């Protein structure tokens, strides 16, 4: 089977746009497609697998920068241990950040509630 695909084939199978493929190439998430003769780019099955892995990692909440740090590991570590360890570390950082934000929001809510109560007492004291 010829696994070389043109950009339209890759985008259709991966569910992304050509613009996304070109952007991912420009930021290093995808290697550039092979060029032939008239400048036509060709892509391989690996490109398709990379696009699908990028989508999976985005769904986990990883940023494109974070994905760039781990994506190659999925294709160089046949056991998959190293990339999963890195993703796990990133997810733990995200959880810690979420907990910090939740704590800040809870404090903000408590401050708002205290301010509302103070205003209500002040208004009650001045009502006829």
Protein backbone atom coordinates (compact mmCIF):
# COMPACT_ATOMS: atom_id res chain seq x y z
CA UNK A 1 0.00 0.00 0.00
CA UNK A 2 1.25 3.45 -0.86
CA UNK A 3 1.07 5.38 2.39
CA UNK A 4 1.87 8.74 0.81
CA UNK A 5 -1.04 11.14 0.99
CA UNK A 6 -1.65 14.65 -0.22
CA UNK A 7 -2.66 17.25 2.31
CA UNK A 8 -6.36 16.94 1.46
CA UNK A 9 -6.28 13.22 2.18
CA UNK A 10 -4.54 13.74 5.52
CA UNK A 11 -6.88 16.51 6.61
CA UNK A 12 -9.95 14.51 5.70
CA UNK A 13 -8.79 11.41 7.55
CA UNK A 14 -7.56 13.35 10.61
CA UNK A 15 -10.50 15.75 10.79
CA UNK A 16 -8.34 18.88 10.69
CA UNK A 17 -7.86 21.68 8.19
CA UNK A 18 -4.93 22.19 5.84
CA UNK A 19 -4.24 25.39 7.75
CA UNK A 20 -3.90 23.36 10.96
CA UNK A 21 -1.44 20.97 9.31
CA UNK A 22 0.65 23.87 8.02
CA UNK A 23 0.54 25.59 11.41
CA UNK A 24 1.61 22.40 13.21
CA UNK A 25 4.48 22.09 10.73
CA UNK A 26 5.52 25.70 11.37
CA UNK A 27 5.66 25.22 15.16
CA UNK A 28 7.39 21.86 15.05
CA UNK A 29 4.55 19.52 15.98
CA UNK A 30 4.68 17.85 12.57
CA UNK A 31 7.63 17.31 10.29
CA UNK A 32 7.11 19.06 6.97
CA UNK A 33 5.58 16.98 4.22
CA UNK A 34 7.85 15.62 1.50
CA UNK A 35 8.03 17.85 -1.53
CA UNK A 36 8.05 16.56 -5.04
CA UNK A 37 8.48 18.10 -8.44
CA UNK A 38 5.87 20.82 -8.66
CA UNK A 39 5.97 21.60 -4.95
CA UNK A 40 3.19 19.19 -4.00
CA UNK A 41 3.54 18.05 -0.39
CA UNK A 42 3.08 14.41 0.51
CA UNK A 43 2.47 13.00 3.97
CA UNK A 44 2.75 9.56 5.50
CA UNK A 45 0.68 7.46 7.86
CA UNK A 46 2.93 8.71 10.66
CA UNK A 47 1.65 12.23 10.00
CA UNK A 48 -1.87 10.93 10.42
CA UNK A 49 -0.96 9.15 13.67
CA UNK A 50 0.76 12.30 14.96
CA UNK A 51 -2.31 14.41 14.19
CA UNK A 52 -4.51 11.95 16.06
CA UNK A 53 -2.12 11.90 19.03
CA UNK A 54 -2.02 15.71 19.07
CA UNK A 55 -5.83 15.74 19.17
CA UNK A 56 -5.87 13.24 22.05
CA UNK A 57 -3.36 15.29 24.02
CA UNK A 58 -5.30 18.50 23.38
CA UNK A 59 -8.41 16.80 24.74
CA UNK A 60 -6.46 16.04 27.92
CA UNK A 61 -5.86 19.78 28.27
CA UNK A 62 -2.26 20.01 27.12
CA UNK A 63 -1.20 23.19 25.36
CA UNK A 64 0.53 23.01 21.98
CA UNK A 65 3.82 23.89 23.69
CA UNK A 66 3.36 21.00 26.12
CA UNK A 67 2.43 18.68 23.27
CA UNK A 68 5.57 19.72 21.40
CA UNK A 69 7.59 18.63 24.45
CA UNK A 70 6.12 15.11 24.45
CA UNK A 71 4.91 14.24 20.94
CA UNK A 72 8.21 12.83 19.66
CA UNK A 73 8.41 10.46 22.62
CA UNK A 74 5.32 8.65 21.37
CA UNK A 75 7.25 7.76 18.22
CA UNK A 76 10.63 6.95 19.79
CA UNK A 77 9.62 5.00 22.92
CA UNK A 78 7.98 1.79 21.74
CA UNK A 79 6.84 0.90 25.26
CA UNK A 80 5.10 4.24 25.72
CA UNK A 81 6.39 4.65 29.28
CA UNK A 82 8.36 7.86 28.80
CA UNK A 83 5.61 9.86 27.09
CA UNK A 84 3.02 8.73 29.63
CA UNK A 85 5.34 9.75 32.48
CA UNK A 86 5.81 13.20 30.97
CA UNK A 87 2.08 13.63 30.32
CA UNK A 88 1.33 12.50 33.86
CA UNK A 89 3.72 15.14 35.23
CA UNK A 90 2.04 17.80 33.10
CA UNK A 91 -1.43 16.69 34.21
CA UNK A 92 -0.32 16.86 37.84
CA UNK A 93 0.86 20.44 37.24
CA UNK A 94 -2.52 21.25 35.69
CA UNK A 95 -4.30 19.77 38.71
CA UNK A 96 -2.16 21.80 41.12
CA UNK A 97 -2.91 24.95 39.10
CA UNK A 98 -6.64 24.14 39.09
CA UNK A 99 -6.55 23.66 42.87
CA UNK A 100 -4.76 27.01 43.27
CA UNK A 101 -7.36 28.74 41.12
CA UNK A 102 -10.21 27.08 43.00
CA UNK A 103 -8.70 28.28 46.28
CA UNK A 104 -8.39 31.81 44.92
CA UNK A 105 -11.99 31.73 43.68
CA UNK A 106 -13.22 30.45 47.03
CA UNK A 107 -11.40 33.31 48.76
CA UNK A 108 -12.83 35.80 46.26
CA UNK A 109 -16.33 34.41 46.92
CA UNK A 110 -15.84 34.70 50.67
CA UNK A 111 -14.64 38.30 50.26
CA UNK A 112 -17.66 39.12 48.07
CA UNK A 113 -20.03 37.57 50.59
CA UNK A 114 -18.45 39.57 53.44
CA UNK A 115 -18.72 42.80 51.42
CA UNK A 116 -22.38 42.12 50.56
CA UNK A 117 -23.18 41.46 54.20
CA UNK A 118 -21.36 44.62 55.29
CA UNK A 119 -23.30 46.70 52.73
CA UNK A 120 -26.59 45.12 53.77
CA UNK A 121 -25.91 45.91 57.47
CA UNK A 122 -24.93 49.46 56.60
CA UNK A 123 -28.13 49.96 54.55
CA UNK A 124 -30.32 48.39 57.28
CA UNK A 125 -28.87 50.79 59.84
CA UNK A 126 -29.88 53.75 57.68
CA UNK A 127 -33.38 52.66 56.66
CA UNK A 128 -36.22 54.63 58.25
